Every structure is written in structure tokens, then in C-alpha cells.
């Protein structure tokens, strides 16, 4: 998640969108840029959330398990098990949003043939992640 957050920040900073006047309709690039920035910002936030969640869980879980009263090892283990679903969900959300931002960028920068191919690869990747 930390690597993905770094990638997201780089994608946000280094992206140089082409001018809007290259498109026949002004609304198309504006919508694509809007989708891109919403996706990449949301992906960054989701990935930072995963990093913070895992850090807190590893510190507090180990502290409870080692320094807590009798039976706290089971309590810490059960709590970590319950929290892992939220961490996995946040990580998957950040990964999907990163892929969605890449899809919007390829439509801004590439010709339609290459963009369509990249979209198919992205859809295939998301289907493999789901299975």
C-alpha cells in the first residue's frame, strides 16, 4: 500500500494533461481529467488509510497481546482477525482506483486503438483480482 501511495502521488504530480483544444468537444477532456483526479486522489487516500491501519494494528495488537491481562492474546488475535477485512477492502479499493485512473489517462494521451487495448488489459486485470 505504501508503494501504491507513492505511485499515486507521482501520478498526480507528474501528469501533464494535453490541452483541451485538441478534442472536438470541450467536455470530453474535462470529464476525463475530472475522473482521473478524483480516482487518483481517492486511491492515494485509500492506500494511506491501509498504511495507517496496518501500523496501528501491528502496534496496538502486539501491545495488547504481550502486556494485557490473562487471555489478552486471544482478544488481540480475534480483534486483528476482524479488522483484516477492512484493511483488505481498503487495499482493494485503492488498487482498483489506481487502475481506473490509468484508464482515464490512456484515453487522454493515446489514440483510441491503444486506449481500447489498455482498457481491455485493465478490465482483465480487475477480473483476475476479483477471482
Foldseek 3Di string as FASTA:
>chain_A
DVVLLVVLVCCVVVDDFDDQVVDPDSVLLVVLVVLLVVLSVLLNVLVVVLVVVVVVLVVVLVCQLPPNDPPSVVVSVVVVVVCVVVSVVSNLSSVLSVLSSVLSVCVRPDDPVVSVVSVVVSVVVVVVVVD
